[in-house]
PDB file of N, CA and C in Angstrom:
ATOM      1  N   MET A   1      12.102  20.362  78.599  1.00  0.00           N
ATOM      2  CA  MET A   1      10.677  20.543  78.671  1.00  0.00           C
ATOM      3  C   MET A   1      10.128  21.266  77.449  1.00  0.00           C
ATOM      4  N   ASN A   2      10.788  22.331  77.022  1.00  0.00           N
ATOM      5  CA  ASN A   2      10.308  23.096  75.879  1.00  0.00           C
ATOM      6  C   ASN A   2      10.303  22.268  74.602  1.00  0.00           C
ATOM      7  N   SER A   3      11.309  21.422  74.415  1.00  0.00           N
ATOM      8  CA  SER A   3      11.339  20.605  73.205  1.00  0.00           C
ATOM      9  C   SER A   3      10.203  19.580  73.214  1.00  0.00           C
ATOM     10  N   THR A   4       9.835  19.065  74.379  1.00  0.00           N
ATOM     11  CA  THR A   4       8.714  18.131  74.476  1.00  0.00           C
ATOM     12  C   THR A   4       7.414  18.829  74.115  1.00  0.00           C
ATOM     13  N   LEU A   5       7.224  20.033  74.614  1.00  0.00           N
ATOM     14  CA  LEU A   5       6.028  20.808  74.300  1.00  0.00           C
ATOM     15  C   LEU A   5       5.995  21.137  72.810  1.00  0.00           C
ATOM     16  N   GLY A   6       7.129  21.501  72.254  1.00  0.00           N
ATOM     17  CA  GLY A   6       7.213  21.806  70.825  1.00  0.00           C
ATOM     18  C   GLY A   6       6.863  20.606  69.968  1.00  0.00           C
ATOM     19  N   LEU A   7       7.346  19.425  70.345  1.00  0.00           N
ATOM     20  CA  LEU A   7       7.017  18.211  69.609  1.00  0.00           C
ATOM     21  C   LEU A   7       5.538  17.872  69.713  1.00  0.00           C
ATOM     22  N   ALA A   8       4.964  18.101  70.878  1.00  0.00           N
ATOM     23  CA  ALA A   8       3.535  17.840  71.067  1.00  0.00           C
ATOM     24  C   ALA A   8       2.697  18.769  70.185  1.00  0.00           C
ATOM     25  N   VAL A   9       3.062  20.029  70.135  1.00  0.00           N
ATOM     26  CA  VAL A   9       2.337  20.994  69.294  1.00  0.00           C
ATOM     27  C   VAL A   9       2.480  20.610  67.824  1.00  0.00           C
ATOM     28  N   LEU A  10       3.686  20.234  67.415  1.00  0.00           N
ATOM     29  CA  LEU A  10       3.919  19.823  66.040  1.00  0.00           C
ATOM     30  C   LEU A  10       3.085  18.594  65.684  1.00  0.00           C
ATOM     31  N   ALA A  11       3.006  17.634  66.578  1.00  0.00           N
ATOM     32  CA  ALA A  11       2.210  16.426  66.339  1.00  0.00           C
ATOM     33  C   ALA A  11       0.733  16.766  66.167  1.00  0.00           C
ATOM     34  N   VAL A  12       0.227  17.671  66.981  1.00  0.00           N
ATOM     35  CA  VAL A  12      -1.176  18.091  66.870  1.00  0.00           C
ATOM     36  C   VAL A  12      -1.417  18.785  65.542  1.00  0.00           C
ATOM     37  N   LEU A  13      -0.517  19.677  65.149  1.00  0.00           N
ATOM     38  CA  LEU A  13      -0.667  20.399  63.891  1.00  0.00           C
ATOM     39  C   LEU A  13      -0.608  19.455  62.692  1.00  0.00           C
ATOM     40  N   LEU A  14       0.320  18.517  62.703  1.00  0.00           N
ATOM     41  CA  LEU A  14       0.415  17.566  61.605  1.00  0.00           C
ATOM     42  C   LEU A  14      -0.806  16.660  61.559  1.00  0.00           C
ATOM     43  N   GLY A  15      -1.298  16.255  62.694  1.00  0.00           N
ATOM     44  CA  GLY A  15      -2.502  15.430  62.748  1.00  0.00           C
ATOM     45  C   GLY A  15      -3.701  16.172  62.207  1.00  0.00           C
ATOM     46  N   THR A  16      -3.840  17.442  62.522  1.00  0.00           N
ATOM     47  CA  THR A  16      -4.938  18.259  62.025  1.00  0.00           C
ATOM     48  C   THR A  16      -4.835  18.431  60.523  1.00  0.00           C
ATOM     49  N   ALA A  17      -3.642  18.628  60.000  1.00  0.00           N
ATOM     50  CA  ALA A  17      -3.463  18.802  58.556  1.00  0.00           C
ATOM     51  C   ALA A  17      -3.879  17.551  57.803  1.00  0.00           C
ATOM     52  N   SER A  18      -3.539  16.385  58.318  1.00  0.00           N
ATOM     53  CA  SER A  18      -3.901  15.168  57.610  1.00  0.00           C
ATOM     54  C   SER A  18      -5.390  14.877  57.712  1.00  0.00           C
ATOM     55  N   LEU A  19      -6.056  15.310  58.770  1.00  0.00           N
ATOM     56  CA  LEU A  19      -7.486  15.103  58.901  1.00  0.00           C
ATOM     57  C   LEU A  19      -8.281  15.962  57.936  1.00  0.00           C
ATOM     58  N   SER A  20      -7.772  17.137  57.592  1.00  0.00           N
ATOM     59  CA  SER A  20      -8.524  18.026  56.724  1.00  0.00           C
ATOM     60  C   SER A  20      -8.292  17.738  55.243  1.00  0.00           C
ATOM     61  N   ALA A  21      -7.438  16.796  54.921  1.00  0.00           N
ATOM     62  CA  ALA A  21      -7.149  16.483  53.525  1.00  0.00           C
ATOM     63  C   ALA A  21      -8.234  15.565  52.979  1.00  0.00           C
ATOM     64  N   HIS A  22      -9.023  16.080  52.056  1.00  0.00           N
ATOM     65  CA  HIS A  22     -10.072  15.305  51.395  1.00  0.00           C
ATOM     66  C   HIS A  22      -9.721  15.181  49.927  1.00  0.00           C
ATOM     67  N   SER A  23     -10.277  14.174  49.297  1.00  0.00           N
ATOM     68  CA  SER A  23     -10.079  14.033  47.863  1.00  0.00           C
ATOM     69  C   SER A  23     -10.851  15.135  47.161  1.00  0.00           C
ATOM     70  N   GLU A  24     -10.158  15.900  46.353  1.00  0.00           N
ATOM     71  CA  GLU A  24     -10.786  17.001  45.643  1.00  0.00           C
ATOM     72  C   GLU A  24     -10.656  16.785  44.145  1.00  0.00           C
ATOM     73  N   LEU A  25     -11.596  17.351  43.419  1.00  0.00           N
ATOM     74  CA  LEU A  25     -11.560  17.292  41.970  1.00  0.00           C
ATOM     75  C   LEU A  25     -10.295  17.978  41.470  1.00  0.00           C
ATOM     76  N   GLU A  26      -9.502  17.251  40.694  1.00  0.00           N
ATOM     77  CA  GLU A  26      -8.247  17.786  40.166  1.00  0.00           C
ATOM     78  C   GLU A  26      -8.433  18.296  38.743  1.00  0.00           C
ATOM     79  N   ARG A  27      -9.069  17.465  37.891  1.00  0.00           N
ATOM     80  CA  ARG A  27      -9.380  17.882  36.529  1.00  0.00           C
ATOM     81  C   ARG A  27     -10.433  16.956  35.962  1.00  0.00           C
ATOM     82  N   ALA A  28     -11.026  17.370  34.856  1.00  0.00           N
ATOM     83  CA  ALA A  28     -12.095  16.584  34.252  1.00  0.00           C
ATOM     84  C   ALA A  28     -12.053  16.723  32.737  1.00  0.00           C
ATOM     85  N   GLU A  29     -12.555  15.684  32.060  1.00  0.00           N
ATOM     86  CA  GLU A  29     -12.730  15.712  30.615  1.00  0.00           C
ATOM     87  C   GLU A  29     -14.117  15.202  30.301  1.00  0.00           C
ATOM     88  N   PRO A  30     -14.980  15.980  29.672  1.00  0.00           N
ATOM     89  CA  PRO A  30     -14.818  17.385  29.353  1.00  0.00           C
ATOM     90  C   PRO A  30     -14.664  18.221  30.630  1.00  0.00           C
ATOM     91  N   ALA A  31     -13.960  19.312  30.487  1.00  0.00           N
ATOM     92  CA  ALA A  31     -13.672  20.177  31.635  1.00  0.00           C
ATOM     93  C   ALA A  31     -14.927  20.895  32.114  1.00  0.00           C
ATOM     94  N   ALA A  32     -14.914  21.273  33.378  1.00  0.00           N
ATOM     95  CA  ALA A  32     -16.034  22.021  33.962  1.00  0.00           C
ATOM     96  C   ALA A  32     -16.236  23.329  33.208  1.00  0.00           C
ATOM     97  N   ASP A  33     -17.491  23.621  32.909  1.00  0.00           N
ATOM     98  CA  ASP A  33     -17.900  24.849  32.220  1.00  0.00           C
ATOM     99  C   ASP A  33     -17.300  24.998  30.834  1.00  0.00           C
ATOM    100  N   SER A  34     -16.842  23.903  30.236  1.00  0.00           N
ATOM    101  CA  SER A  34     -16.270  23.981  28.900  1.00  0.00           C
ATOM    102  C   SER A  34     -17.351  23.776  27.841  1.00  0.00           C
ATOM    103  N   THR A  35     -17.022  24.160  26.624  1.00  0.00           N
ATOM    104  CA  THR A  35     -17.866  23.887  25.466  1.00  0.00           C
ATOM    105  C   THR A  35     -17.041  23.041  24.512  1.00  0.00           C
ATOM    106  N   VAL A  36     -17.582  21.874  24.162  1.00  0.00           N
ATOM    107  CA  VAL A  36     -16.892  20.975  23.247  1.00  0.00           C
ATOM    108  C   VAL A  36     -17.659  20.941  21.927  1.00  0.00           C
ATOM    109  N   SER A  37     -16.928  20.714  20.835  1.00  0.00           N
ATOM    110  CA  SER A  37     -17.563  20.749  19.517  1.00  0.00           C
ATOM    111  C   SER A  37     -18.076  19.383  19.067  1.00  0.00           C
ATOM    112  N   ALA A  38     -17.655  18.332  19.726  1.00  0.00           N
ATOM    113  CA  ALA A  38     -18.116  16.982  19.394  1.00  0.00           C
ATOM    114  C   ALA A  38     -18.618  16.302  20.660  1.00  0.00           C
ATOM    115  N   SER A  39     -19.585  15.431  20.485  1.00  0.00           N
ATOM    116  CA  SER A  39     -20.132  14.709  21.626  1.00  0.00           C
ATOM    117  C   SER A  39     -19.079  13.775  22.213  1.00  0.00           C
ATOM    118  N   PRO A  40     -18.774  13.903  23.503  1.00  0.00           N
ATOM    119  CA  PRO A  40     -17.795  12.994  24.109  1.00  0.00           C
ATOM    120  C   PRO A  40     -18.375  11.592  24.256  1.00  0.00           C
ATOM    121  N   ARG A  41     -17.511  10.610  24.249  1.00  0.00           N
ATOM    122  CA  ARG A  41     -17.940   9.222  24.445  1.00  0.00           C
ATOM    123  C   ARG A  41     -17.982   8.841  25.910  1.00  0.00           C
ATOM    124  N   GLU A  42     -17.278   9.627  26.733  1.00  0.00           N
ATOM    125  CA  GLU A  42     -17.246   9.346  28.167  1.00  0.00           C
ATOM    126  C   GLU A  42     -16.907  10.620  28.923  1.00  0.00           C
ATOM    127  N   VAL A  43     -17.124  10.567  30.227  1.00  0.00           N
ATOM    128  CA  VAL A  43     -16.682  11.607  31.149  1.00  0.00           C
ATOM    129  C   VAL A  43     -15.636  10.965  32.040  1.00  0.00           C
ATOM    130  N   ALA A  44     -14.513  11.647  32.220  1.00  0.00           N
ATOM    131  CA  ALA A  44     -13.440  11.161  33.094  1.00  0.00           C
ATOM    132  C   ALA A  44     -13.072  12.270  34.066  1.00  0.00           C
ATOM    133  N   ILE A  45     -12.926  11.902  35.333  1.00  0.00           N
ATOM    134  CA  ILE A  45     -12.575  12.871  36.373  1.00  0.00           C
ATOM    135  C   ILE A  45     -11.403  12.319  37.172  1.00  0.00           C
ATOM    136  N   TRP A  46     -10.440  13.178  37.450  1.00  0.00           N
ATOM    137  CA  TRP A  46      -9.292  12.829  38.279  1.00  0.00           C
ATOM    138  C   TRP A  46      -9.405  13.558  39.606  1.00  0.00           C
ATOM    139  N   PHE A  47      -9.046  12.865  40.684  1.00  0.00           N
ATOM    140  CA  PHE A  47      -9.097  13.428  42.022  1.00  0.00           C
ATOM    141  C   PHE A  47      -7.702  13.458  42.633  1.00  0.00           C
ATOM    142  N   THR A  48      -7.572  14.123  43.752  1.00  0.00           N
ATOM    143  CA  THR A  48      -6.268  14.286  44.393  1.00  0.00           C
ATOM    144  C   THR A  48      -5.867  13.086  45.243  1.00  0.00           C
ATOM    145  N   GLN A  49      -6.763  12.113  45.414  1.00  0.00           N
ATOM    146  CA  GLN A  49      -6.445  10.910  46.188  1.00  0.00           C
ATOM    147  C   GLN A  49      -7.009   9.682  45.485  1.00  0.00           C
ATOM    148  N   THR A  50      -6.492   8.532  45.837  1.00  0.00           N
ATOM    149  CA  THR A  50      -6.997   7.265  45.317  1.00  0.00           C
ATOM    150  C   THR A  50      -8.427   7.055  45.811  1.00  0.00           C
ATOM    151  N   LEU A  51      -9.269   6.485  44.942  1.00  0.00           N
ATOM    152  CA  LEU A  51     -10.693   6.303  45.239  1.00  0.00           C
ATOM    153  C   LEU A  51     -11.026   4.850  45.550  1.00  0.00           C
ATOM    154  N   GLU A  52     -12.079   4.666  46.319  1.00  0.00           N
ATOM    155  CA  GLU A  52     -12.629   3.341  46.608  1.00  0.00           C
ATOM    156  C   GLU A  52     -13.671   3.032  45.534  1.00  0.00           C
ATOM    157  N   PRO A  53     -13.419   2.064  44.658  1.00  0.00           N
ATOM    158  CA  PRO A  53     -14.323   1.795  43.536  1.00  0.00           C
ATOM    159  C   PRO A  53     -15.767   1.490  43.935  1.00  0.00           C
ATOM    160  N   ALA A  54     -15.972   0.727  44.988  1.00  0.00           N
ATOM    161  CA  ALA A  54     -17.323   0.316  45.361  1.00  0.00           C
ATOM    162  C   ALA A  54     -18.194   1.477  45.850  1.00  0.00           C
ATOM    163  N   PHE A  55     -17.588   2.591  46.209  1.00  0.00           N
ATOM    164  CA  PHE A  55     -18.341   3.699  46.786  1.00  0.00           C
ATOM    165  C   PHE A  55     -18.160   5.000  46.012  1.00  0.00           C
ATOM    166  N   SER A  56     -17.810   4.901  44.739  1.00  0.00           N
ATOM    167  CA  SER A  56     -17.575   6.088  43.920  1.00  0.00           C
ATOM    168  C   SER A  56     -18.344   5.949  42.611  1.00  0.00           C
ATOM    169  N   ALA A  57     -18.981   7.039  42.167  1.00  0.00           N
ATOM    170  CA  ALA A  57     -19.786   6.963  40.947  1.00  0.00           C
ATOM    171  C   ALA A  57     -19.940   8.333  40.302  1.00  0.00           C
ATOM    172  N   ILE A  58     -20.198   8.302  39.000  1.00  0.00           N
ATOM    173  CA  ILE A  58     -20.526   9.493  38.214  1.00  0.00           C
ATOM    174  C   ILE A  58     -21.865   9.233  37.535  1.00  0.00           C
ATOM    175  N   THR A  59     -22.725  10.244  37.491  1.00  0.00           N
ATOM    176  CA  THR A  59     -23.899  10.221  36.634  1.00  0.00           C
ATOM    177  C   THR A  59     -23.860  11.489  35.791  1.00  0.00           C
ATOM    178  N   VAL A  60     -24.462  11.414  34.607  1.00  0.00           N
ATOM    179  CA  VAL A  60     -24.502  12.570  33.707  1.00  0.00           C
ATOM    180  C   VAL A  60     -25.946  12.748  33.259  1.00  0.00           C
ATOM    181  N   GLN A  61     -26.433  13.989  33.342  1.00  0.00           N
ATOM    182  CA  GLN A  61     -27.822  14.295  32.988  1.00  0.00           C
ATOM    183  C   GLN A  61     -27.876  15.383  31.920  1.00  0.00           C
ATOM    184  N   ASN A  62     -28.903  15.306  31.080  1.00  0.00           N
ATOM    185  CA  ASN A  62     -29.135  16.378  30.125  1.00  0.00           C
ATOM    186  C   ASN A  62     -29.923  17.498  30.802  1.00  0.00           C
ATOM    187  N   ALA A  63     -30.278  18.525  30.054  1.00  0.00           N
ATOM    188  CA  ALA A  63     -30.966  19.690  30.626  1.00  0.00           C
ATOM    189  C   ALA A  63     -32.338  19.331  31.191  1.00  0.00           C
ATOM    190  N   ALA A  64     -32.954  18.260  30.695  1.00  0.00           N
ATOM    191  CA  ALA A  64     -34.260  17.819  31.195  1.00  0.00           C
ATOM    192  C   ALA A  64     -34.137  16.929  32.424  1.00  0.00           C
ATOM    193  N   GLY A  65     -32.912  16.642  32.857  1.00  0.00           N
ATOM    194  CA  GLY A  65     -32.696  15.806  34.027  1.00  0.00           C
ATOM    195  C   GLY A  65     -32.639  14.326  33.730  1.00  0.00           C
ATOM    196  N   GLN A  66     -32.664  13.944  32.450  1.00  0.00           N
ATOM    197  CA  GLN A  66     -32.590  12.539  32.077  1.00  0.00           C
ATOM    198  C   GLN A  66     -31.130  12.088  32.058  1.00  0.00           C
ATOM    199  N   ARG A  67     -30.905  10.895  32.559  1.00  0.00           N
ATOM    200  CA  ARG A  67     -29.529  10.368  32.570  1.00  0.00           C
ATOM    201  C   ARG A  67     -29.094   9.983  31.166  1.00  0.00           C
ATOM    202  N   VAL A  68     -27.864  10.376  30.834  1.00  0.00           N
ATOM    203  CA  VAL A  68     -27.284  10.049  29.531  1.00  0.00           C
ATOM    204  C   VAL A  68     -26.015   9.213  29.683  1.00  0.00           C
ATOM    205  N   ASP A  69     -25.677   8.830  30.913  1.00  0.00           N
ATOM    206  CA  ASP A  69     -24.548   7.926  31.091  1.00  0.00           C
ATOM    207  C   ASP A  69     -25.018   6.526  30.717  1.00  0.00           C
ATOM    208  N   ALA A  70     -24.083   5.719  30.236  1.00  0.00           N
ATOM    209  CA  ALA A  70     -24.429   4.397  29.707  1.00  0.00           C
ATOM    210  C   ALA A  70     -23.573   3.333  30.367  1.00  0.00           C
ATOM    211  N   GLY A  71     -23.943   2.923  31.538  1.00  0.00           N
ATOM    212  CA  GLY A  71     -23.172   1.881  32.192  1.00  0.00           C
ATOM    213  C   GLY A  71     -22.591   2.340  33.509  1.00  0.00           C
ATOM    214  N   ALA A  72     -21.894   1.407  34.125  1.00  0.00           N
ATOM    215  CA  ALA A  72     -21.330   1.656  35.452  1.00  0.00           C
ATOM    216  C   ALA A  72     -20.061   2.495  35.366  1.00  0.00           C
ATOM    217  N   SER A  73     -19.826   3.258  36.411  1.00  0.00           N
ATOM    218  CA  SER A  73     -18.584   4.014  36.539  1.00  0.00           C
ATOM    219  C   SER A  73     -17.435   3.040  36.766  1.00  0.00           C
ATOM    220  N   ARG A  74     -16.259   3.401  36.249  1.00  0.00           N
ATOM    221  CA  ARG A  74     -15.058   2.583  36.444  1.00  0.00           C
ATOM    222  C   ARG A  74     -14.007   3.429  37.141  1.00  0.00           C
ATOM    223  N   VAL A  75     -13.419   2.868  38.175  1.00  0.00           N
ATOM    224  CA  VAL A  75     -12.398   3.572  38.952  1.00  0.00           C
ATOM    225  C   VAL A  75     -11.056   2.893  38.752  1.00  0.00           C
ATOM    226  N   THR A  76     -10.045   3.718  38.483  1.00  0.00           N
ATOM    227  CA  THR A  76      -8.664   3.253  38.410  1.00  0.00           C
ATOM    228  C   THR A  76      -7.819   4.256  39.169  1.00  0.00           C
ATOM    229  N   GLY A  77      -7.346   3.874  40.344  1.00  0.00           N
ATOM    230  CA  GLY A  77      -6.524   4.785  41.150  1.00  0.00           C
ATOM    231  C   GLY A  77      -7.294   6.019  41.566  1.00  0.00           C
ATOM    232  N   ASN A  78      -6.878   7.184  41.067  1.00  0.00           N
ATOM    233  CA  ASN A  78      -7.547   8.430  41.433  1.00  0.00           C
ATOM    234  C   ASN A  78      -8.461   8.927  40.314  1.00  0.00           C
ATOM    235  N   GLN A  79      -8.739   8.073  39.324  1.00  0.00           N
ATOM    236  CA  GLN A  79      -9.588   8.457  38.196  1.00  0.00           C
ATOM    237  C   GLN A  79     -10.877   7.655  38.199  1.00  0.00           C
ATOM    238  N   ILE A  80     -11.967   8.335  37.841  1.00  0.00           N
ATOM    239  CA  ILE A  80     -13.250   7.668  37.657  1.00  0.00           C
ATOM    240  C   ILE A  80     -13.795   8.103  36.307  1.00  0.00           C
ATOM    241  N   ARG A  81     -14.380   7.152  35.579  1.00  0.00           N
ATOM    242  CA  ARG A  81     -14.929   7.472  34.259  1.00  0.00           C
ATOM    243  C   ARG A  81     -16.231   6.722  34.048  1.00  0.00           C
ATOM    244  N   VAL A  82     -17.074   7.276  33.181  1.00  0.00           N
ATOM    245  CA  VAL A  82     -18.331   6.632  32.846  1.00  0.00           C
ATOM    246  C   VAL A  82     -18.595   6.852  31.355  1.00  0.00           C
ATOM    247  N   PRO A  83     -19.033   5.799  30.636  1.00  0.00           N
ATOM    248  CA  PRO A  83     -19.361   5.968  29.221  1.00  0.00           C
ATOM    249  C   PRO A  83     -20.672   6.748  29.077  1.00  0.00           C
ATOM    250  N   LEU A  84     -20.822   7.391  27.929  1.00  0.00           N
ATOM    251  CA  LEU A  84     -22.038   8.156  27.647  1.00  0.00           C
ATOM    252  C   LEU A  84     -22.802   7.544  26.481  1.00  0.00           C
ATOM    253  N   LYS A  85     -24.127   7.691  26.511  1.00  0.00           N
ATOM    254  CA  LYS A  85     -24.946   7.388  25.347  1.00  0.00           C
ATOM    255  C   LYS A  85     -24.622   8.459  24.304  1.00  0.00           C
ATOM    256  N   PRO A  86     -24.972   8.235  23.041  1.00  0.00           N
ATOM    257  CA  PRO A  86     -24.772   9.311  22.061  1.00  0.00           C
ATOM    258  C   PRO A  86     -25.587  10.544  22.485  1.00  0.00           C
ATOM    259  N   ILE A  87     -24.926  11.682  22.582  1.00  0.00           N
ATOM    260  CA  ILE A  87     -25.604  12.910  23.005  1.00  0.00           C
ATOM    261  C   ILE A  87     -25.434  13.971  21.926  1.00  0.00           C
ATOM    262  N   GLY A  88     -26.360  14.898  21.897  1.00  0.00           N
ATOM    263  CA  GLY A  88     -26.305  15.974  20.914  1.00  0.00           C
ATOM    264  C   GLY A  88     -25.978  17.296  21.561  1.00  0.00           C
ATOM    265  N   ALA A  89     -26.263  18.342  20.839  1.00  0.00           N
ATOM    266  CA  ALA A  89     -26.012  19.690  21.344  1.00  0.00           C
ATOM    267  C   ALA A  89     -26.827  19.915  22.614  1.00  0.00           C
ATOM    268  N   GLY A  90     -26.245  20.652  23.545  1.00  0.00           N
ATOM    269  CA  GLY A  90     -26.960  20.957  24.778  1.00  0.00           C
ATOM    270  C   GLY A  90     -26.023  21.122  25.954  1.00  0.00           C
ATOM    271  N   THR A  91     -26.644  21.278  27.114  1.00  0.00           N
ATOM    272  CA  THR A  91     -25.917  21.433  28.370  1.00  0.00           C
ATOM    273  C   THR A  91     -26.110  20.173  29.196  1.00  0.00           C
ATOM    274  N   TYR A  92     -25.018  19.704  29.780  1.00  0.00           N
ATOM    275  CA  TYR A  92     -25.039  18.461  30.552  1.00  0.00           C
ATOM    276  C   TYR A  92     -24.442  18.699  31.926  1.00  0.00           C
ATOM    277  N   ARG A  93     -25.017  18.008  32.922  1.00  0.00           N
ATOM    278  CA  ARG A  93     -24.525  18.112  34.291  1.00  0.00           C
ATOM    279  C   ARG A  93     -23.888  16.790  34.690  1.00  0.00           C
ATOM    280  N   VAL A  94     -22.663  16.890  35.171  1.00  0.00           N
ATOM    281  CA  VAL A  94     -21.929  15.739  35.691  1.00  0.00           C
ATOM    282  C   VAL A  94     -22.039  15.777  37.212  1.00  0.00           C
ATOM    283  N   ASN A  95     -22.572  14.720  37.794  1.00  0.00           N
ATOM    284  CA  ASN A  95     -22.696  14.598  39.249  1.00  0.00           C
ATOM    285  C   ASN A  95     -21.746  13.498  39.699  1.00  0.00           C
ATOM    286  N   TRP A  96     -20.967  13.776  40.716  1.00  0.00           N
ATOM    287  CA  TRP A  96     -20.038  12.777  41.216  1.00  0.00           C
ATOM    288  C   TRP A  96     -20.098  12.705  42.731  1.00  0.00           C
ATOM    289  N   ARG A  97     -19.851  11.491  43.210  1.00  0.00           N
ATOM    290  CA  ARG A  97     -19.679  11.245  44.646  1.00  0.00           C
ATOM    291  C   ARG A  97     -18.598  10.197  44.763  1.00  0.00           C
ATOM    292  N   VAL A  98     -17.646  10.465  45.610  1.00  0.00           N
ATOM    293  CA  VAL A  98     -16.515   9.541  45.747  1.00  0.00           C
ATOM    294  C   VAL A  98     -16.178   9.328  47.214  1.00  0.00           C
ATOM    295  N   LEU A  99     -15.576   8.195  47.450  1.00  0.00           N
ATOM    296  CA  LEU A  99     -15.008   7.873  48.753  1.00  0.00           C
ATOM    297  C   LEU A  99     -13.533   7.616  48.508  1.00  0.00           C
ATOM    298  N   SER A 100     -12.690   8.401  49.148  1.00  0.00           N
ATOM    299  CA  SER A 100     -11.251   8.202  48.975  1.00  0.00           C
ATOM    300  C   SER A 100     -10.756   7.150  49.957  1.00  0.00           C
ATOM    301  N   VAL A 101      -9.557   6.657  49.721  1.00  0.00           N
ATOM    302  CA  VAL A 101      -9.012   5.602  50.572  1.00  0.00           C
ATOM    303  C   VAL A 101      -8.807   6.065  52.006  1.00  0.00           C
ATOM    304  N   ASP A 102      -8.817   7.380  52.255  1.00  0.00           N
ATOM    305  CA  ASP A 102      -8.713   7.862  53.633  1.00  0.00           C
ATOM    306  C   ASP A 102     -10.080   7.935  54.305  1.00  0.00           C
ATOM    307  N   THR A 103     -11.106   7.366  53.653  1.00  0.00           N
ATOM    308  CA  THR A 103     -12.496   7.233  54.132  1.00  0.00           C
ATOM    309  C   THR A 103     -13.283   8.544  54.149  1.00  0.00           C
ATOM    310  N   HIS A 104     -12.839   9.553  53.452  1.00  0.00           N
ATOM    311  CA  HIS A 104     -13.605  10.795  53.354  1.00  0.00           C
ATOM    312  C   HIS A 104     -14.463  10.778  52.093  1.00  0.00           C
ATOM    313  N   ARG A 105     -15.735  11.137  52.261  1.00  0.00           N
ATOM    314  CA  ARG A 105     -16.660  11.224  51.134  1.00  0.00           C
ATOM    315  C   ARG A 105     -16.711  12.670  50.648  1.00  0.00           C
ATOM    316  N   THR A 106     -16.716  12.836  49.344  1.00  0.00           N
ATOM    317  CA  THR A 106     -16.940  14.148  48.757  1.00  0.00           C
ATOM    318  C   THR A 106     -17.883  13.967  47.579  1.00  0.00           C
ATOM    319  N   GLN A 107     -18.561  15.043  47.238  1.00  0.00           N
ATOM    320  CA  GLN A 107     -19.468  15.007  46.096  1.00  0.00           C
ATOM    321  C   GLN A 107     -19.555  16.395  45.493  1.00  0.00           C
ATOM    322  N   GLY A 108     -20.026  16.435  44.280  1.00  0.00           N
ATOM    323  CA  GLY A 108     -20.168  17.719  43.613  1.00  0.00           C
ATOM    324  C   GLY A 108     -20.728  17.536  42.224  1.00  0.00           C
ATOM    325  N   SER A 109     -20.784  18.621  41.501  1.00  0.00           N
ATOM    326  CA  SER A 109     -21.265  18.567  40.131  1.00  0.00           C
ATOM    327  C   SER A 109     -20.688  19.731  39.349  1.00  0.00           C
ATOM    328  N   TYR A 110     -20.725  19.586  38.048  1.00  0.00           N
ATOM    329  CA  TYR A 110     -20.340  20.660  37.158  1.00  0.00           C
ATOM    330  C   TYR A 110     -21.070  20.465  35.835  1.00  0.00           C
ATOM    331  N   ARG A 111     -21.025  21.485  35.000  1.00  0.00           N
ATOM    332  CA  ARG A 111     -21.682  21.423  33.691  1.00  0.00           C
ATOM    333  C   ARG A 111     -20.658  21.520  32.571  1.00  0.00           C
ATOM    334  N   PHE A 112     -21.036  20.959  31.454  1.00  0.00           N
ATOM    335  CA  PHE A 112     -20.300  21.203  30.211  1.00  0.00           C
ATOM    336  C   PHE A 112     -21.333  21.329  29.106  1.00  0.00           C
ATOM    337  N   HIS A 113     -20.914  21.893  27.980  1.00  0.00           N
ATOM    338  CA  HIS A 113     -21.826  22.165  26.867  1.00  0.00           C
ATOM    339  C   HIS A 113     -21.294  21.503  25.607  1.00  0.00           C
ATOM    340  N   VAL A 114     -22.220  20.987  24.799  1.00  0.00           N
ATOM    341  CA  VAL A 114     -21.870  20.462  23.485  1.00  0.00           C
ATOM    342  C   VAL A 114     -22.491  21.402  22.466  1.00  0.00           C
ATOM    343  N   LYS A 115     -21.634  21.944  21.598  1.00  0.00           N
ATOM    344  CA  LYS A 115     -22.090  22.866  20.570  1.00  0.00           C
ATOM    345  C   LYS A 115     -21.312  22.550  19.294  1.00  0.00           C
ATOM    346  N   PRO A 116     -21.896  21.659  18.473  1.00  0.00           N
ATOM    347  CA  PRO A 116     -21.201  21.253  17.235  1.00  0.00           C
ATOM    348  C   PRO A 116     -21.005  22.421  16.270  1.00  0.00           C
TER     349      PRO A 116
END
């Protein structure tokens, strides 16, 4: 009886652990809160899980809120990237929303700075 109860508790705990696993931002280029000396040609973000391409996107805005991304986001596995228009010195906000293959949606944003 005790081993059956123990297995049931273990199953519940393992099930709960897998439910709370969401795709999280792993790293980014340019990195969050970084200052780069040259204008990047694209923004690339890696996540902890594989992404669903049709439901994942990045936008990039300048300090005035104008979009500076140039084209559609591209997803490959756990990475999403978007090309940028030529940008100059300033602060930029990267906004992302993704759907991972486990059907969890996450979103967020970060800033980076260009200072030639």
